[in-house]
Amino acid sequence: MINIAIDGPSGAGKSSIAKILAKKLTYTHLDTGSMYRAVAYKAMMNHLDIENEDVIVDMLKDTDIRLTNDGKIYLDDTDVSDMIRTNEISLLASNVSKHAKVRKDLVSRQQKMALNKGVIMDGRDIGTVVLKDAEVKIFLTASTIKRAQRRYLQNQQLNIASDLDQLIKEIEQRDYQDTHRAASPLVKASDAIEIDSSDITIDEVVDKILEIVNRKVNVK
């Protein structure tokens, strides 16, 4: 077994693709973005200042985040899988993730989860920070409009009201925050393979990654 790191901007399809890969390979999928969303959700529900790093770090001392194999996210034993998927939480998570001390705490948790290998982890800094020694690194991207359209359809399926133009602006804002933050900005790892999912299906992306994984495993 190996570890697989999938990085890329918001809405590129990282989590959806990682889930499918995990099933096909019988690996464990760890959605690190959901951990930052959970932190942002708890801070919001407790009316804490997202911009105050020390307040958020102090909150984390008494915070348990658990990711299950069936894709559920538990925050202090409460299933928050659906509550953390709103656009509001997405932007708040981006603000939370810029704090170096918060990232240090969550990265440590993530690295412990991946010690036994057989993990597919997706996020913004997996290949560059969290799993720098991952045997396969993928940088998954897509055009802004494609990512906005996908989020719009996803929101419709979840009965979440949204506006496509507003989604485009929010994704652009998220991209800027993710690539310009001081702590672990979103960048492509030097040894990552880039895949643009703008004009190909999820299944085609999965097949591409499976080919890469099989080559790596066979070499080993």
N, C-alpha and C. Protein backbone atom coordinates (compact mmCIF):
# COMPACT_ATOMS: atom_id res chain seq x y z
N MET A 1 0.83 -1.20 0.00
CA MET A 1 0.00 0.00 0.00
C MET A 1 0.87 1.25 0.00
N ILE A 2 0.33 2.29 -0.62
CA ILE A 2 1.03 3.57 -0.67
C ILE A 2 0.08 4.66 -0.19
N ASN A 3 0.60 5.87 -0.09
CA ASN A 3 -0.23 7.03 0.20
C ASN A 3 -0.37 7.89 -1.05
N ILE A 4 -1.56 8.43 -1.25
CA ILE A 4 -1.85 9.25 -2.42
C ILE A 4 -2.30 10.63 -1.96
N ALA A 5 -1.65 11.66 -2.47
CA ALA A 5 -1.98 13.05 -2.13
C ALA A 5 -2.64 13.72 -3.32
N ILE A 6 -3.79 14.33 -3.10
CA ILE A 6 -4.49 15.05 -4.16
C ILE A 6 -4.71 16.49 -3.71
N ASP A 7 -4.06 17.40 -4.39
CA ASP A 7 -4.20 18.83 -4.09
C ASP A 7 -4.90 19.54 -5.24
N GLY A 8 -5.33 20.76 -4.97
CA GLY A 8 -5.96 21.55 -6.02
C GLY A 8 -6.91 22.57 -5.44
N PRO A 9 -7.39 23.48 -6.28
CA PRO A 9 -8.28 24.55 -5.81
C PRO A 9 -9.67 24.04 -5.46
N SER A 10 -10.44 24.89 -4.80
CA SER A 10 -11.81 24.56 -4.40
C SER A 10 -12.68 24.24 -5.61
N GLY A 11 -13.43 23.15 -5.52
CA GLY A 11 -14.38 22.81 -6.57
C GLY A 11 -13.80 22.04 -7.75
N ALA A 12 -12.56 21.59 -7.64
CA ALA A 12 -11.94 20.87 -8.76
C ALA A 12 -12.38 19.41 -8.80
N GLY A 13 -13.03 18.95 -7.73
CA GLY A 13 -13.52 17.57 -7.69
C GLY A 13 -12.65 16.63 -6.88
N LYS A 14 -11.77 17.19 -6.05
CA LYS A 14 -10.82 16.37 -5.29
C LYS A 14 -11.50 15.31 -4.42
N SER A 15 -12.46 15.75 -3.61
CA SER A 15 -13.10 14.84 -2.68
C SER A 15 -13.90 13.75 -3.39
N SER A 16 -14.66 14.14 -4.42
CA SER A 16 -15.47 13.16 -5.16
C SER A 16 -14.58 12.09 -5.78
N ILE A 17 -13.49 12.53 -6.38
CA ILE A 17 -12.56 11.61 -7.04
C ILE A 17 -11.82 10.75 -6.02
N ALA A 18 -11.43 11.37 -4.91
CA ALA A 18 -10.73 10.62 -3.86
C ALA A 18 -11.62 9.52 -3.28
N LYS A 19 -12.92 9.82 -3.13
CA LYS A 19 -13.85 8.82 -2.60
C LYS A 19 -13.96 7.61 -3.53
N ILE A 20 -14.05 7.88 -4.82
CA ILE A 20 -14.16 6.79 -5.80
C ILE A 20 -12.88 5.96 -5.82
N LEU A 21 -11.74 6.64 -5.81
CA LEU A 21 -10.45 5.95 -5.79
C LEU A 21 -10.32 5.07 -4.55
N ALA A 22 -10.76 5.59 -3.41
CA ALA A 22 -10.65 4.85 -2.16
C ALA A 22 -11.44 3.55 -2.24
N LYS A 23 -12.61 3.60 -2.84
CA LYS A 23 -13.43 2.40 -2.98
C LYS A 23 -12.78 1.38 -3.93
N LYS A 24 -12.27 1.89 -5.05
CA LYS A 24 -11.65 1.01 -6.04
C LYS A 24 -10.37 0.36 -5.51
N LEU A 25 -9.63 1.10 -4.71
CA LEU A 25 -8.36 0.60 -4.19
C LEU A 25 -8.47 0.00 -2.78
N THR A 26 -9.67 0.11 -2.21
CA THR A 26 -9.92 -0.27 -0.81
C THR A 26 -8.93 0.45 0.12
N TYR A 27 -8.77 1.76 -0.15
CA TYR A 27 -7.95 2.62 0.69
C TYR A 27 -8.89 3.46 1.57
N THR A 28 -8.30 4.20 2.49
CA THR A 28 -9.07 5.10 3.34
C THR A 28 -8.98 6.52 2.79
N HIS A 29 -10.13 7.17 2.63
CA HIS A 29 -10.14 8.55 2.14
C HIS A 29 -10.21 9.51 3.32
N LEU A 30 -9.27 10.46 3.36
CA LEU A 30 -9.25 11.48 4.39
C LEU A 30 -9.39 12.86 3.73
N ASP A 31 -10.55 13.46 3.90
CA ASP A 31 -10.84 14.78 3.34
C ASP A 31 -10.39 15.84 4.34
N THR A 32 -9.17 16.36 4.14
CA THR A 32 -8.63 17.31 5.12
C THR A 32 -9.40 18.63 5.11
N GLY A 33 -9.96 18.99 3.96
CA GLY A 33 -10.72 20.23 3.90
C GLY A 33 -11.90 20.22 4.85
N SER A 34 -12.49 19.03 5.05
CA SER A 34 -13.63 18.92 5.95
C SER A 34 -13.21 19.23 7.39
N MET A 35 -11.95 18.98 7.71
CA MET A 35 -11.47 19.28 9.06
C MET A 35 -11.44 20.78 9.31
N TYR A 36 -10.97 21.53 8.30
CA TYR A 36 -10.96 23.00 8.43
C TYR A 36 -12.38 23.55 8.44
N ARG A 37 -13.26 22.91 7.67
CA ARG A 37 -14.66 23.31 7.67
C ARG A 37 -15.29 23.08 9.05
N ALA A 38 -14.94 21.95 9.65
CA ALA A 38 -15.47 21.62 10.98
C ALA A 38 -15.01 22.64 12.02
N VAL A 39 -13.74 23.03 11.93
CA VAL A 39 -13.21 24.04 12.84
C VAL A 39 -13.94 25.37 12.65
N ALA A 40 -14.14 25.75 11.38
CA ALA A 40 -14.83 27.00 11.08
C ALA A 40 -16.28 26.95 11.58
N TYR A 41 -16.91 25.80 11.41
CA TYR A 41 -18.30 25.64 11.84
C TYR A 41 -18.41 25.79 13.36
N LYS A 42 -17.51 25.14 14.09
CA LYS A 42 -17.56 25.24 15.55
C LYS A 42 -17.30 26.66 16.01
N ALA A 43 -16.34 27.33 15.37
CA ALA A 43 -16.03 28.72 15.74
C ALA A 43 -17.24 29.62 15.49
N MET A 44 -17.91 29.41 14.36
CA MET A 44 -19.10 30.20 14.03
C MET A 44 -20.22 29.95 15.02
N MET A 45 -20.47 28.68 15.34
CA MET A 45 -21.55 28.34 16.26
C MET A 45 -21.29 28.87 17.67
N ASN A 46 -20.01 29.06 17.99
CA ASN A 46 -19.65 29.58 19.31
C ASN A 46 -19.38 31.08 19.29
N HIS A 47 -19.68 31.70 18.13
CA HIS A 47 -19.53 33.16 17.96
C HIS A 47 -18.11 33.63 18.26
N LEU A 48 -17.13 32.84 17.80
CA LEU A 48 -15.73 33.20 18.01
C LEU A 48 -15.22 34.01 16.82
N ASP A 49 -14.18 34.79 17.07
CA ASP A 49 -13.57 35.62 16.02
C ASP A 49 -12.66 34.75 15.15
N ILE A 50 -13.09 34.50 13.91
CA ILE A 50 -12.32 33.67 12.98
C ILE A 50 -10.92 34.22 12.75
N GLU A 51 -10.78 35.53 12.82
CA GLU A 51 -9.49 36.17 12.55
C GLU A 51 -8.52 36.06 13.72
N ASN A 52 -9.02 35.68 14.89
CA ASN A 52 -8.18 35.61 16.09
C ASN A 52 -7.58 34.20 16.21
N GLU A 53 -6.35 34.07 15.78
CA GLU A 53 -5.69 32.77 15.74
C GLU A 53 -5.63 32.09 17.10
N ASP A 54 -5.28 32.84 18.14
CA ASP A 54 -5.12 32.24 19.47
C ASP A 54 -6.44 31.72 20.02
N VAL A 55 -7.53 32.41 19.72
CA VAL A 55 -8.85 31.98 20.17
C VAL A 55 -9.22 30.65 19.51
N ILE A 56 -8.93 30.52 18.21
CA ILE A 56 -9.24 29.29 17.49
C ILE A 56 -8.36 28.14 17.99
N VAL A 57 -7.09 28.41 18.21
CA VAL A 57 -6.18 27.38 18.71
C VAL A 57 -6.62 26.90 20.09
N ASP A 58 -7.06 27.83 20.92
CA ASP A 58 -7.53 27.47 22.25
C ASP A 58 -8.78 26.58 22.16
N MET A 59 -9.65 26.90 21.19
CA MET A 59 -10.84 26.09 20.97
C MET A 59 -10.47 24.66 20.58
N LEU A 60 -9.40 24.52 19.77
CA LEU A 60 -8.98 23.21 19.28
C LEU A 60 -8.52 22.27 20.40
N LYS A 61 -8.11 22.84 21.53
CA LYS A 61 -7.64 22.02 22.65
C LYS A 61 -8.77 21.12 23.17
N ASP A 62 -9.99 21.56 22.95
CA ASP A 62 -11.15 20.79 23.42
C ASP A 62 -12.05 20.43 22.24
N THR A 63 -11.41 20.07 21.13
CA THR A 63 -12.16 19.76 19.91
C THR A 63 -11.71 18.41 19.34
N ASP A 64 -12.68 17.55 19.10
CA ASP A 64 -12.39 16.26 18.50
C ASP A 64 -13.01 16.21 17.10
N ILE A 65 -12.20 15.86 16.11
CA ILE A 65 -12.69 15.75 14.73
C ILE A 65 -12.39 14.33 14.25
N ARG A 66 -13.44 13.65 13.81
CA ARG A 66 -13.28 12.26 13.39
C ARG A 66 -13.85 12.06 12.00
N LEU A 67 -13.06 11.47 11.11
CA LEU A 67 -13.49 11.15 9.75
C LEU A 67 -13.69 9.65 9.64
N THR A 68 -14.84 9.23 9.16
CA THR A 68 -15.13 7.81 9.07
C THR A 68 -14.96 7.32 7.64
N ASN A 69 -14.85 6.00 7.48
CA ASN A 69 -14.65 5.40 6.16
C ASN A 69 -15.85 5.59 5.23
N ASP A 70 -17.02 5.86 5.80
CA ASP A 70 -18.20 6.08 4.96
C ASP A 70 -18.43 7.54 4.62
N GLY A 71 -17.40 8.38 4.87
CA GLY A 71 -17.46 9.77 4.45
C GLY A 71 -18.10 10.73 5.43
N LYS A 72 -18.38 10.29 6.63
CA LYS A 72 -19.00 11.16 7.63
C LYS A 72 -17.92 11.95 8.39
N ILE A 73 -18.30 13.16 8.80
CA ILE A 73 -17.40 14.00 9.60
C ILE A 73 -18.07 14.26 10.93
N TYR A 74 -17.41 13.81 11.98
CA TYR A 74 -17.95 14.01 13.32
C TYR A 74 -17.15 15.08 14.06
N LEU A 75 -17.87 16.05 14.59
CA LEU A 75 -17.27 17.12 15.38
C LEU A 75 -17.77 16.97 16.80
N ASP A 76 -16.85 16.61 17.71
CA ASP A 76 -17.23 16.36 19.11
C ASP A 76 -18.42 15.40 19.18
N ASP A 77 -18.32 14.31 18.41
CA ASP A 77 -19.32 13.23 18.39
C ASP A 77 -20.64 13.60 17.72
N THR A 78 -20.71 14.76 17.06
CA THR A 78 -21.91 15.15 16.31
C THR A 78 -21.62 15.10 14.82
N ASP A 79 -22.49 14.45 14.06
CA ASP A 79 -22.33 14.35 12.61
C ASP A 79 -22.64 15.71 11.99
N VAL A 80 -21.59 16.36 11.44
CA VAL A 80 -21.76 17.68 10.83
C VAL A 80 -21.52 17.63 9.32
N SER A 81 -21.58 16.44 8.75
CA SER A 81 -21.24 16.23 7.34
C SER A 81 -21.96 17.20 6.40
N ASP A 82 -23.25 17.42 6.63
CA ASP A 82 -24.02 18.30 5.76
C ASP A 82 -23.88 19.77 6.15
N MET A 83 -23.84 20.05 7.44
CA MET A 83 -23.80 21.44 7.92
C MET A 83 -22.56 22.20 7.48
N ILE A 84 -21.46 21.48 7.23
CA ILE A 84 -20.21 22.17 6.91
C ILE A 84 -20.02 22.39 5.40
N ARG A 85 -21.03 22.05 4.59
CA ARG A 85 -20.88 22.13 3.14
C ARG A 85 -21.47 23.40 2.52
N THR A 86 -21.84 24.38 3.33
CA THR A 86 -22.41 25.61 2.79
C THR A 86 -21.31 26.53 2.25
N ASN A 87 -21.71 27.48 1.40
CA ASN A 87 -20.74 28.43 0.86
C ASN A 87 -20.15 29.30 1.97
N GLU A 88 -20.98 29.63 2.95
CA GLU A 88 -20.51 30.45 4.08
C GLU A 88 -19.38 29.75 4.82
N ILE A 89 -19.57 28.47 5.10
CA ILE A 89 -18.54 27.72 5.82
C ILE A 89 -17.30 27.55 4.96
N SER A 90 -17.48 27.43 3.64
CA SER A 90 -16.34 27.30 2.73
C SER A 90 -15.41 28.50 2.85
N LEU A 91 -15.99 29.70 2.86
CA LEU A 91 -15.17 30.91 2.96
C LEU A 91 -14.57 31.06 4.35
N LEU A 92 -15.34 30.70 5.38
CA LEU A 92 -14.83 30.78 6.74
C LEU A 92 -13.68 29.79 6.94
N ALA A 93 -13.80 28.62 6.30
CA ALA A 93 -12.73 27.62 6.40
C ALA A 93 -11.44 28.13 5.78
N SER A 94 -11.57 28.89 4.71
CA SER A 94 -10.40 29.46 4.06
C SER A 94 -9.72 30.45 5.00
N ASN A 95 -10.52 31.22 5.74
CA ASN A 95 -9.96 32.17 6.71
C ASN A 95 -9.28 31.43 7.86
N VAL A 96 -9.92 30.36 8.33
CA VAL A 96 -9.35 29.58 9.43
C VAL A 96 -8.02 28.95 9.01
N SER A 97 -7.97 28.46 7.77
CA SER A 97 -6.79 27.72 7.31
C SER A 97 -5.56 28.58 7.11
N LYS A 98 -5.71 29.90 7.16
CA LYS A 98 -4.54 30.76 6.97
C LYS A 98 -3.72 30.89 8.26
N HIS A 99 -4.28 30.44 9.38
CA HIS A 99 -3.58 30.55 10.66
C HIS A 99 -2.55 29.42 10.80
N ALA A 100 -1.30 29.79 10.94
CA ALA A 100 -0.21 28.80 11.00
C ALA A 100 -0.36 27.83 12.16
N LYS A 101 -0.78 28.32 13.33
CA LYS A 101 -0.92 27.45 14.50
C LYS A 101 -2.06 26.46 14.33
N VAL A 102 -3.12 26.89 13.66
CA VAL A 102 -4.25 26.00 13.40
C VAL A 102 -3.81 24.90 12.44
N ARG A 103 -3.10 25.28 11.40
CA ARG A 103 -2.61 24.32 10.42
C ARG A 103 -1.67 23.31 11.09
N LYS A 104 -0.81 23.80 11.97
CA LYS A 104 0.13 22.91 12.65
C LYS A 104 -0.62 21.84 13.43
N ASP A 105 -1.66 22.25 14.11
CA ASP A 105 -2.46 21.31 14.90
C ASP A 105 -3.13 20.26 14.00
N LEU A 106 -3.81 20.72 12.95
CA LEU A 106 -4.54 19.80 12.08
C LEU A 106 -3.61 18.94 11.24
N VAL A 107 -2.50 19.50 10.79
CA VAL A 107 -1.53 18.72 10.01
C VAL A 107 -0.99 17.57 10.84
N SER A 108 -0.72 17.83 12.11
CA SER A 108 -0.23 16.77 13.00
C SER A 108 -1.26 15.64 13.10
N ARG A 109 -2.52 16.00 13.19
CA ARG A 109 -3.59 14.99 13.27
C ARG A 109 -3.66 14.19 11.96
N GLN A 110 -3.53 14.91 10.86
CA GLN A 110 -3.62 14.27 9.54
C GLN A 110 -2.46 13.31 9.30
N GLN A 111 -1.26 13.71 9.70
CA GLN A 111 -0.09 12.86 9.50
C GLN A 111 -0.20 11.56 10.31
N LYS A 112 -0.77 11.65 11.50
CA LYS A 112 -0.97 10.46 12.32
C LYS A 112 -1.95 9.51 11.65
N MET A 113 -2.97 10.07 11.00
CA MET A 113 -3.97 9.25 10.32
C MET A 113 -3.36 8.46 9.16
N ALA A 114 -2.28 8.97 8.59
CA ALA A 114 -1.70 8.36 7.38
C ALA A 114 -0.48 7.48 7.66
N LEU A 115 -0.15 7.27 8.91
CA LEU A 115 1.07 6.53 9.24
C LEU A 115 1.09 5.11 8.71
N ASN A 116 -0.06 4.46 8.68
CA ASN A 116 -0.10 3.05 8.27
C ASN A 116 -0.26 2.84 6.77
N LYS A 117 -0.17 3.93 5.99
CA LYS A 117 -0.30 3.88 4.52
C LYS A 117 -1.72 3.50 4.10
N GLY A 118 -1.92 3.36 2.80
CA GLY A 118 -3.24 3.02 2.30
C GLY A 118 -4.23 4.16 2.44
N VAL A 119 -3.72 5.39 2.35
CA VAL A 119 -4.55 6.57 2.56
C VAL A 119 -4.57 7.45 1.31
N ILE A 120 -5.75 7.94 0.96
CA ILE A 120 -5.89 8.95 -0.08
C ILE A 120 -6.32 10.22 0.62
N MET A 121 -5.48 11.23 0.59
CA MET A 121 -5.75 12.47 1.31
C MET A 121 -5.84 13.62 0.32
N ASP A 122 -6.91 14.39 0.42
CA ASP A 122 -7.03 15.54 -0.47
C ASP A 122 -7.16 16.83 0.32
N GLY A 123 -6.67 17.91 -0.30
CA GLY A 123 -6.70 19.21 0.36
C GLY A 123 -5.97 20.25 -0.45
N ARG A 124 -5.30 21.17 0.24
CA ARG A 124 -4.59 22.26 -0.43
C ARG A 124 -3.06 22.14 -0.33
N ASP A 125 -2.58 21.44 0.71
CA ASP A 125 -1.13 21.37 0.93
C ASP A 125 -0.68 19.96 1.28
N ILE A 126 -1.37 18.97 0.74
CA ILE A 126 -1.06 17.58 1.11
C ILE A 126 0.31 17.16 0.56
N GLY A 127 0.53 17.39 -0.73
CA GLY A 127 1.79 16.99 -1.34
C GLY A 127 2.97 17.84 -0.96
N THR A 128 2.70 19.06 -0.50
CA THR A 128 3.80 19.98 -0.16
C THR A 128 4.11 20.03 1.33
N VAL A 129 3.14 19.68 2.18
CA VAL A 129 3.34 19.80 3.62
C VAL A 129 2.93 18.54 4.38
N VAL A 130 1.68 18.14 4.25
CA VAL A 130 1.14 17.06 5.09
C VAL A 130 1.78 15.72 4.77
N LEU A 131 1.76 15.33 3.50
CA LEU A 131 2.35 14.05 3.08
C LEU A 131 3.42 14.30 2.02
N LYS A 132 4.49 14.92 2.42
CA LYS A 132 5.55 15.26 1.47
C LYS A 132 6.20 14.01 0.87
N ASP A 133 6.06 12.87 1.58
CA ASP A 133 6.66 11.63 1.08
C ASP A 133 5.63 10.71 0.42
N ALA A 134 4.45 11.25 0.09
CA ALA A 134 3.43 10.44 -0.59
C ALA A 134 3.99 9.88 -1.89
N GLU A 135 3.72 8.61 -2.16
CA GLU A 135 4.28 7.97 -3.35
C GLU A 135 3.66 8.49 -4.64
N VAL A 136 2.40 8.92 -4.58
CA VAL A 136 1.73 9.51 -5.74
C VAL A 136 1.13 10.85 -5.34
N LYS A 137 1.46 11.88 -6.13
CA LYS A 137 0.92 13.22 -5.88
C LYS A 137 0.20 13.72 -7.13
N ILE A 138 -1.03 14.15 -6.93
CA ILE A 138 -1.84 14.67 -8.03
C ILE A 138 -2.22 16.11 -7.73
N PHE A 139 -2.09 16.97 -8.74
CA PHE A 139 -2.59 18.35 -8.61
C PHE A 139 -3.76 18.47 -9.56
N LEU A 140 -4.97 18.48 -8.99
CA LEU A 140 -6.20 18.48 -9.78
C LEU A 140 -6.75 19.90 -9.91
N THR A 141 -6.96 20.33 -11.14
CA THR A 141 -7.46 21.68 -11.35
C THR A 141 -8.59 21.68 -12.36
N ALA A 142 -9.22 22.83 -12.53
CA ALA A 142 -10.30 23.02 -13.51
C ALA A 142 -10.53 24.52 -13.62
N SER A 143 -11.16 24.94 -14.72
CA SER A 143 -11.41 26.37 -14.91
C SER A 143 -12.39 26.88 -13.86
N THR A 144 -12.35 28.16 -13.60
CA THR A 144 -13.24 28.77 -12.60
C THR A 144 -14.71 28.54 -12.94
N ILE A 145 -15.08 28.75 -14.20
CA ILE A 145 -16.47 28.60 -14.60
C ILE A 145 -16.94 27.16 -14.43
N LYS A 146 -16.10 26.19 -14.77
CA LYS A 146 -16.47 24.78 -14.62
C LYS A 146 -16.68 24.43 -13.14
N ARG A 147 -15.81 24.95 -12.31
CA ARG A 147 -15.92 24.66 -10.88
C ARG A 147 -17.18 25.30 -10.30
N ALA A 148 -17.50 26.50 -10.76
CA ALA A 148 -18.71 27.19 -10.29
C ALA A 148 -19.96 26.44 -10.74
N GLN A 149 -19.96 25.97 -11.98
CA GLN A 149 -21.11 25.23 -12.51
C GLN A 149 -21.33 23.95 -11.73
N ARG A 150 -20.24 23.26 -11.39
CA ARG A 150 -20.35 22.02 -10.63
C ARG A 150 -20.91 22.29 -9.23
N ARG A 151 -20.43 23.34 -8.59
CA ARG A 151 -20.91 23.70 -7.25
C ARG A 151 -22.39 24.10 -7.31
N TYR A 152 -22.76 24.78 -8.38
CA TYR A 152 -24.16 25.20 -8.56
C TYR A 152 -25.08 23.98 -8.65
N LEU A 153 -24.68 23.00 -9.47
CA LEU A 153 -25.47 21.78 -9.61
C LEU A 153 -25.53 21.00 -8.30
N GLN A 154 -24.40 20.97 -7.62
CA GLN A 154 -24.34 20.28 -6.32
C GLN A 154 -25.29 20.93 -5.33
N ASN A 155 -25.32 22.26 -5.31
CA ASN A 155 -26.21 22.98 -4.40
C ASN A 155 -27.66 22.71 -4.74
N GLN A 156 -27.97 22.64 -6.04
CA GLN A 156 -29.34 22.33 -6.45
C GLN A 156 -29.77 20.96 -5.94
N GLN A 157 -28.87 19.99 -6.03
CA GLN A 157 -29.18 18.64 -5.57
C GLN A 157 -29.39 18.59 -4.06
N LEU A 158 -28.72 19.51 -3.36
CA LEU A 158 -28.84 19.56 -1.90
C LEU A 158 -29.90 20.57 -1.45
N ASN A 159 -30.61 21.14 -2.45
CA ASN A 159 -31.64 22.14 -2.18
C ASN A 159 -31.08 23.37 -1.45
N ILE A 160 -29.86 23.75 -1.85
CA ILE A 160 -29.23 24.96 -1.30
C ILE A 160 -29.36 26.07 -2.34
N ALA A 161 -29.97 27.17 -1.95
CA ALA A 161 -30.15 28.29 -2.88
C ALA A 161 -28.79 28.89 -3.23
N SER A 162 -28.56 29.15 -4.51
CA SER A 162 -27.29 29.74 -4.92
C SER A 162 -27.43 30.45 -6.25
N ASP A 163 -26.49 31.33 -6.52
CA ASP A 163 -26.47 32.10 -7.75
C ASP A 163 -25.13 31.84 -8.44
N LEU A 164 -25.16 31.49 -9.73
CA LEU A 164 -23.94 31.10 -10.43
C LEU A 164 -22.90 32.22 -10.43
N ASP A 165 -23.32 33.44 -10.72
CA ASP A 165 -22.37 34.56 -10.74
C ASP A 165 -21.73 34.77 -9.37
N GLN A 166 -22.53 34.61 -8.32
CA GLN A 166 -22.01 34.77 -6.97
C GLN A 166 -21.03 33.65 -6.65
N LEU A 167 -21.33 32.44 -7.13
CA LEU A 167 -20.43 31.32 -6.91
C LEU A 167 -19.08 31.54 -7.58
N ILE A 168 -19.11 32.12 -8.78
CA ILE A 168 -17.86 32.42 -9.49
C ILE A 168 -17.02 33.38 -8.67
N LYS A 169 -17.65 34.41 -8.12
CA LYS A 169 -16.93 35.40 -7.31
C LYS A 169 -16.37 34.75 -6.04
N GLU A 170 -17.16 33.89 -5.43
CA GLU A 170 -16.71 33.24 -4.20
C GLU A 170 -15.54 32.29 -4.46
N ILE A 171 -15.58 31.59 -5.58
CA ILE A 171 -14.48 30.68 -5.93
C ILE A 171 -13.22 31.47 -6.22
N GLU A 172 -13.36 32.59 -6.91
CA GLU A 172 -12.20 33.45 -7.19
C GLU A 172 -11.62 33.99 -5.89
N GLN A 173 -12.51 34.35 -4.95
CA GLN A 173 -12.05 34.84 -3.66
C GLN A 173 -11.34 33.73 -2.89
N ARG A 174 -11.90 32.53 -2.93
CA ARG A 174 -11.30 31.40 -2.23
C ARG A 174 -9.94 31.07 -2.84
N ASP A 175 -9.84 31.10 -4.16
CA ASP A 175 -8.57 30.83 -4.83
C ASP A 175 -7.50 31.84 -4.40
N TYR A 176 -7.91 33.09 -4.33
CA TYR A 176 -6.95 34.14 -3.95
C TYR A 176 -6.47 33.91 -2.52
N GLN A 177 -7.42 33.63 -1.61
CA GLN A 177 -7.05 33.41 -0.22
C GLN A 177 -6.13 32.19 -0.08
N ASP A 178 -6.46 31.12 -0.80
CA ASP A 178 -5.69 29.88 -0.68
C ASP A 178 -4.27 30.01 -1.24
N THR A 179 -4.12 30.79 -2.32
CA THR A 179 -2.80 30.91 -2.95
C THR A 179 -1.94 32.03 -2.37
N HIS A 180 -2.56 32.91 -1.59
CA HIS A 180 -1.80 34.05 -1.06
C HIS A 180 -1.60 34.02 0.46
N ARG A 181 -2.13 32.98 1.13
CA ARG A 181 -1.94 32.93 2.58
C ARG A 181 -0.47 32.65 2.89
N ALA A 182 -0.03 33.14 4.04
CA ALA A 182 1.37 32.99 4.43
C ALA A 182 1.70 31.55 4.83
N ALA A 183 0.73 30.89 5.48
CA ALA A 183 0.96 29.51 5.95
C ALA A 183 0.51 28.50 4.91
N SER A 184 1.46 27.76 4.37
CA SER A 184 1.18 26.67 3.42
C SER A 184 0.20 27.06 2.32
N PRO A 185 0.56 28.01 1.47
CA PRO A 185 -0.34 28.39 0.38
C PRO A 185 -0.52 27.25 -0.62
N LEU A 186 -1.61 27.31 -1.38
CA LEU A 186 -1.88 26.30 -2.40
C LEU A 186 -0.87 26.45 -3.53
N VAL A 187 -0.03 25.45 -3.70
CA VAL A 187 0.92 25.41 -4.81
C VAL A 187 1.05 23.95 -5.27
N LYS A 188 1.45 23.78 -6.49
CA LYS A 188 1.66 22.44 -7.02
C LYS A 188 3.02 21.92 -6.56
N ALA A 189 3.04 20.75 -5.96
CA ALA A 189 4.31 20.14 -5.55
C ALA A 189 5.16 19.87 -6.79
N SER A 190 6.46 19.99 -6.65
CA SER A 190 7.36 19.84 -7.80
C SER A 190 7.26 18.45 -8.42
N ASP A 191 6.90 17.44 -7.62
CA ASP A 191 6.81 16.07 -8.14
C ASP A 191 5.36 15.62 -8.35
N ALA A 192 4.42 16.58 -8.36
CA ALA A 192 3.01 16.24 -8.58
C ALA A 192 2.68 16.20 -10.07
N ILE A 193 1.73 15.35 -10.42
CA ILE A 193 1.26 15.27 -11.81
C ILE A 193 -0.04 16.07 -11.91
N GLU A 194 -0.07 17.04 -12.80
CA GLU A 194 -1.26 17.90 -12.93
C GLU A 194 -2.29 17.28 -13.87
N ILE A 195 -3.54 17.31 -13.44
CA ILE A 195 -4.65 16.84 -14.26
C ILE A 195 -5.71 17.94 -14.30
N ASP A 196 -6.06 18.39 -15.50
CA ASP A 196 -7.11 19.40 -15.67
C ASP A 196 -8.43 18.68 -15.93
N SER A 197 -9.38 18.85 -15.01
CA SER A 197 -10.65 18.13 -15.12
C SER A 197 -11.75 18.95 -15.78
N SER A 198 -11.39 20.08 -16.38
CA SER A 198 -12.40 20.98 -16.97
C SER A 198 -13.28 20.28 -17.99
N ASP A 199 -12.67 19.50 -18.88
CA ASP A 199 -13.41 18.93 -20.00
C ASP A 199 -13.41 17.41 -20.03
N ILE A 200 -13.15 16.80 -18.89
CA ILE A 200 -13.23 15.34 -18.82
C ILE A 200 -14.09 14.94 -17.63
N THR A 201 -14.62 13.73 -17.68
CA THR A 201 -15.52 13.28 -16.63
C THR A 201 -14.75 12.81 -15.39
N ILE A 202 -15.49 12.66 -14.31
CA ILE A 202 -14.90 12.15 -13.07
C ILE A 202 -14.29 10.77 -13.31
N ASP A 203 -15.01 9.92 -14.04
CA ASP A 203 -14.50 8.57 -14.32
C ASP A 203 -13.19 8.61 -15.10
N GLU A 204 -13.08 9.55 -16.03
CA GLU A 204 -11.84 9.68 -16.81
C GLU A 204 -10.69 10.14 -15.93
N VAL A 205 -10.98 11.03 -14.99
CA VAL A 205 -9.94 11.47 -14.05
C VAL A 205 -9.50 10.30 -13.18
N VAL A 206 -10.47 9.55 -12.69
CA VAL A 206 -10.18 8.38 -11.86
C VAL A 206 -9.31 7.38 -12.61
N ASP A 207 -9.65 7.12 -13.87
CA ASP A 207 -8.86 6.18 -14.67
C ASP A 207 -7.42 6.66 -14.84
N LYS A 208 -7.25 7.96 -15.06
CA LYS A 208 -5.90 8.52 -15.21
C LYS A 208 -5.07 8.30 -13.94
N ILE A 209 -5.72 8.56 -12.80
CA ILE A 209 -5.00 8.42 -11.53
C ILE A 209 -4.70 6.94 -11.24
N LEU A 210 -5.64 6.06 -11.56
CA LEU A 210 -5.42 4.63 -11.36
C LEU A 210 -4.23 4.14 -12.18
N GLU A 211 -4.09 4.65 -13.39
CA GLU A 211 -2.94 4.28 -14.24
C GLU A 211 -1.63 4.70 -13.57
N ILE A 212 -1.65 5.91 -13.02
CA ILE A 212 -0.45 6.43 -12.34
C ILE A 212 -0.12 5.58 -11.11
N VAL A 213 -1.16 5.26 -10.33
CA VAL A 213 -0.97 4.45 -9.12
C VAL A 213 -0.46 3.06 -9.47
N ASN A 214 -1.05 2.44 -10.48
CA ASN A 214 -0.62 1.10 -10.88
C ASN A 214 0.83 1.06 -11.34
N ARG A 215 1.22 2.10 -12.08
CA ARG A 215 2.64 2.18 -12.51
C ARG A 215 3.55 2.27 -11.29
N LYS A 216 3.18 3.06 -10.34
CA LYS A 216 4.01 3.25 -9.14
C LYS A 216 4.08 1.96 -8.33
N VAL A 217 2.95 1.29 -8.15
CA VAL A 217 2.91 0.06 -7.38
C VAL A 217 3.69 -1.05 -8.07
N ASN A 218 3.55 -1.15 -9.37
CA ASN A 218 4.26 -2.19 -10.13
C ASN A 218 5.77 -1.99 -10.11
N VAL A 219 6.18 -0.72 -10.12
CA VAL A 219 7.62 -0.42 -10.05
C VAL A 219 8.17 -0.89 -8.72
N LYS A 220 7.36 -0.68 -7.66
CA LYS A 220 7.78 -1.08 -6.32
C LYS A 220 7.81 -2.59 -6.20
